[in-house]
Amino acid sequence: MDIQLCLNEYIKELESEVMKILSDPKTDKRTKNLAMKPLTSKKKIIKNTIEALELVDKVHKEEMEKVKGEY
């Protein structure tokens, strides 16, 4: 399975978890904020990872094209 697909699935799970926290009327604002911080941090890290993977793929393709052009 593609790593990026797995990471996107994980983002969906995080978003689902966020929605559960936000929709719980029993939880006060402070508790919601505390619960949200690690989830938003994880999502940002995953998005940065996806961008890094895309950049690596792009650079790899460019290098492969250069090698093909030399032969």
N, C-alpha and C. Protein backbone atom coordinates (compact mmCIF):
# COMPACT_ATOMS: atom_id res chain seq x y z
N MET A 1 0.84 -1.19 0.00
CA MET A 1 0.00 0.00 0.00
C MET A 1 0.88 1.25 0.00
N ASP A 2 0.43 2.27 -0.68
CA ASP A 2 1.15 3.52 -0.79
C ASP A 2 1.22 4.23 0.56
N ILE A 3 2.39 4.72 0.90
CA ILE A 3 2.60 5.40 2.18
C ILE A 3 1.70 6.62 2.29
N GLN A 4 1.60 7.37 1.22
CA GLN A 4 0.77 8.59 1.26
C GLN A 4 -0.69 8.26 1.51
N LEU A 5 -1.16 7.17 0.95
CA LEU A 5 -2.55 6.76 1.19
C LEU A 5 -2.76 6.41 2.66
N CYS A 6 -1.79 5.73 3.23
CA CYS A 6 -1.87 5.38 4.65
C CYS A 6 -1.89 6.64 5.51
N LEU A 7 -1.05 7.58 5.17
CA LEU A 7 -1.00 8.84 5.93
C LEU A 7 -2.31 9.61 5.80
N ASN A 8 -2.88 9.61 4.61
CA ASN A 8 -4.17 10.29 4.41
C ASN A 8 -5.28 9.62 5.21
N GLU A 9 -5.23 8.31 5.29
CA GLU A 9 -6.20 7.59 6.11
C GLU A 9 -6.06 7.96 7.58
N TYR A 10 -4.81 8.10 8.02
CA TYR A 10 -4.56 8.49 9.40
C TYR A 10 -5.09 9.89 9.67
N ILE A 11 -4.94 10.78 8.70
CA ILE A 11 -5.49 12.14 8.83
C ILE A 11 -7.00 12.07 8.99
N LYS A 12 -7.65 11.23 8.22
CA LYS A 12 -9.11 11.08 8.33
C LYS A 12 -9.50 10.60 9.72
N GLU A 13 -8.72 9.67 10.27
CA GLU A 13 -8.99 9.18 11.62
C GLU A 13 -8.82 10.30 12.64
N LEU A 14 -7.79 11.10 12.48
CA LEU A 14 -7.57 12.23 13.38
C LEU A 14 -8.73 13.23 13.30
N GLU A 15 -9.18 13.50 12.09
CA GLU A 15 -10.29 14.43 11.91
C GLU A 15 -11.57 13.88 12.55
N SER A 16 -11.76 12.58 12.45
CA SER A 16 -12.91 11.95 13.08
C SER A 16 -12.84 12.09 14.59
N GLU A 17 -11.65 11.90 15.13
CA GLU A 17 -11.44 12.05 16.56
C GLU A 17 -11.72 13.49 17.00
N VAL A 18 -11.29 14.44 16.20
CA VAL A 18 -11.54 15.86 16.49
C VAL A 18 -13.04 16.13 16.53
N MET A 19 -13.75 15.58 15.57
CA MET A 19 -15.20 15.80 15.52
C MET A 19 -15.89 15.22 16.75
N LYS A 20 -15.41 14.08 17.21
CA LYS A 20 -15.99 13.49 18.43
C LYS A 20 -15.77 14.41 19.62
N ILE A 21 -14.59 14.97 19.71
CA ILE A 21 -14.27 15.87 20.82
C ILE A 21 -15.14 17.12 20.75
N LEU A 22 -15.23 17.70 19.56
CA LEU A 22 -15.99 18.93 19.41
C LEU A 22 -17.49 18.74 19.62
N SER A 23 -17.98 17.59 19.27
CA SER A 23 -19.43 17.36 19.36
C SER A 23 -19.89 16.89 20.74
N ASP A 24 -18.96 16.64 21.65
CA ASP A 24 -19.32 16.19 22.99
C ASP A 24 -19.74 17.39 23.84
N PRO A 25 -21.03 17.51 24.15
CA PRO A 25 -21.50 18.67 24.90
C PRO A 25 -21.07 18.66 26.37
N LYS A 26 -20.65 17.53 26.86
CA LYS A 26 -20.24 17.42 28.26
C LYS A 26 -18.84 17.98 28.51
N THR A 27 -18.06 18.13 27.45
CA THR A 27 -16.69 18.58 27.59
C THR A 27 -16.62 20.10 27.54
N ASP A 28 -15.91 20.69 28.49
CA ASP A 28 -15.79 22.14 28.51
C ASP A 28 -14.74 22.61 27.50
N LYS A 29 -14.71 23.92 27.26
CA LYS A 29 -13.85 24.49 26.23
C LYS A 29 -12.36 24.22 26.50
N ARG A 30 -11.95 24.37 27.74
CA ARG A 30 -10.54 24.16 28.10
C ARG A 30 -10.12 22.72 27.82
N THR A 31 -10.93 21.78 28.20
CA THR A 31 -10.62 20.36 27.98
C THR A 31 -10.58 20.05 26.49
N LYS A 32 -11.51 20.64 25.73
CA LYS A 32 -11.52 20.44 24.29
C LYS A 32 -10.24 20.96 23.67
N ASN A 33 -9.82 22.16 24.09
CA ASN A 33 -8.59 22.74 23.55
C ASN A 33 -7.37 21.87 23.87
N LEU A 34 -7.32 21.38 25.09
CA LEU A 34 -6.20 20.51 25.48
C LEU A 34 -6.18 19.21 24.68
N ALA A 35 -7.36 18.68 24.41
CA ALA A 35 -7.45 17.43 23.64
C ALA A 35 -7.13 17.67 22.17
N MET A 36 -7.40 18.87 21.68
CA MET A 36 -7.21 19.17 20.26
C MET A 36 -5.74 19.42 19.90
N LYS A 37 -4.97 19.98 20.81
CA LYS A 37 -3.59 20.36 20.48
C LYS A 37 -2.75 19.21 19.93
N PRO A 38 -2.72 18.05 20.59
CA PRO A 38 -1.90 16.97 20.02
C PRO A 38 -2.44 16.47 18.68
N LEU A 39 -3.74 16.51 18.52
CA LEU A 39 -4.33 16.03 17.26
C LEU A 39 -3.96 16.96 16.11
N THR A 40 -4.04 18.27 16.35
CA THR A 40 -3.68 19.21 15.28
C THR A 40 -2.18 19.16 14.99
N SER A 41 -1.38 18.94 16.01
CA SER A 41 0.07 18.80 15.80
C SER A 41 0.37 17.56 14.97
N LYS A 42 -0.27 16.46 15.29
CA LYS A 42 -0.07 15.23 14.52
C LYS A 42 -0.47 15.44 13.06
N LYS A 43 -1.60 16.10 12.84
CA LYS A 43 -2.06 16.33 11.47
C LYS A 43 -1.05 17.18 10.70
N LYS A 44 -0.53 18.21 11.33
CA LYS A 44 0.46 19.07 10.67
C LYS A 44 1.73 18.29 10.33
N ILE A 45 2.18 17.48 11.26
CA ILE A 45 3.38 16.66 11.02
C ILE A 45 3.14 15.71 9.85
N ILE A 46 1.97 15.09 9.80
CA ILE A 46 1.66 14.16 8.72
C ILE A 46 1.60 14.89 7.37
N LYS A 47 0.98 16.06 7.37
CA LYS A 47 0.91 16.83 6.11
C LYS A 47 2.31 17.23 5.65
N ASN A 48 3.17 17.62 6.58
CA ASN A 48 4.55 17.96 6.23
C ASN A 48 5.29 16.74 5.69
N THR A 49 5.01 15.58 6.26
CA THR A 49 5.62 14.34 5.79
C THR A 49 5.18 14.02 4.37
N ILE A 50 3.90 14.20 4.10
CA ILE A 50 3.39 13.95 2.75
C ILE A 50 4.06 14.89 1.75
N GLU A 51 4.18 16.17 2.11
CA GLU A 51 4.85 17.13 1.23
C GLU A 51 6.31 16.74 0.99
N ALA A 52 6.99 16.28 2.05
CA ALA A 52 8.38 15.86 1.90
C ALA A 52 8.49 14.65 0.98
N LEU A 53 7.58 13.70 1.12
CA LEU A 53 7.59 12.52 0.25
C LEU A 53 7.35 12.91 -1.21
N GLU A 54 6.44 13.84 -1.43
CA GLU A 54 6.18 14.31 -2.79
C GLU A 54 7.41 14.99 -3.37
N LEU A 55 8.11 15.76 -2.56
CA LEU A 55 9.32 16.43 -3.02
C LEU A 55 10.41 15.42 -3.36
N VAL A 56 10.57 14.41 -2.54
CA VAL A 56 11.56 13.37 -2.80
C VAL A 56 11.23 12.65 -4.11
N ASP A 57 9.96 12.33 -4.32
CA ASP A 57 9.54 11.68 -5.57
C ASP A 57 9.84 12.56 -6.77
N LYS A 58 9.56 13.85 -6.64
CA LYS A 58 9.79 14.80 -7.74
C LYS A 58 11.28 14.87 -8.07
N VAL A 59 12.12 15.01 -7.05
CA VAL A 59 13.56 15.08 -7.27
C VAL A 59 14.07 13.78 -7.89
N HIS A 60 13.57 12.67 -7.40
CA HIS A 60 13.99 11.38 -7.96
C HIS A 60 13.64 11.27 -9.43
N LYS A 61 12.44 11.68 -9.80
CA LYS A 61 12.03 11.63 -11.21
C LYS A 61 12.90 12.53 -12.07
N GLU A 62 13.21 13.73 -11.55
CA GLU A 62 14.06 14.65 -12.30
C GLU A 62 15.46 14.06 -12.51
N GLU A 63 16.01 13.44 -11.48
CA GLU A 63 17.33 12.82 -11.58
C GLU A 63 17.31 11.65 -12.57
N MET A 64 16.24 10.88 -12.55
CA MET A 64 16.13 9.76 -13.48
C MET A 64 16.05 10.27 -14.92
N GLU A 65 15.35 11.37 -15.14
CA GLU A 65 15.26 11.95 -16.48
C GLU A 65 16.63 12.43 -16.95
N LYS A 66 17.42 13.02 -16.03
CA LYS A 66 18.76 13.47 -16.38
C LYS A 66 19.63 12.29 -16.79
N VAL A 67 19.52 11.20 -16.05
CA VAL A 67 20.31 10.01 -16.34
C VAL A 67 19.89 9.44 -17.69
N LYS A 68 18.61 9.39 -17.97
CA LYS A 68 18.13 8.87 -19.25
C LYS A 68 18.59 9.75 -20.40
N GLY A 69 18.64 11.06 -20.17
CA GLY A 69 19.06 12.00 -21.20
C GLY A 69 20.55 11.89 -21.53
N GLU A 70 21.33 11.41 -20.57
CA GLU A 70 22.76 11.26 -20.80
C GLU A 70 23.10 10.04 -21.65
N TYR A 71 22.21 9.08 -21.69
CA TYR A 71 22.49 7.86 -22.44
C TYR A 71 21.79 7.86 -23.72
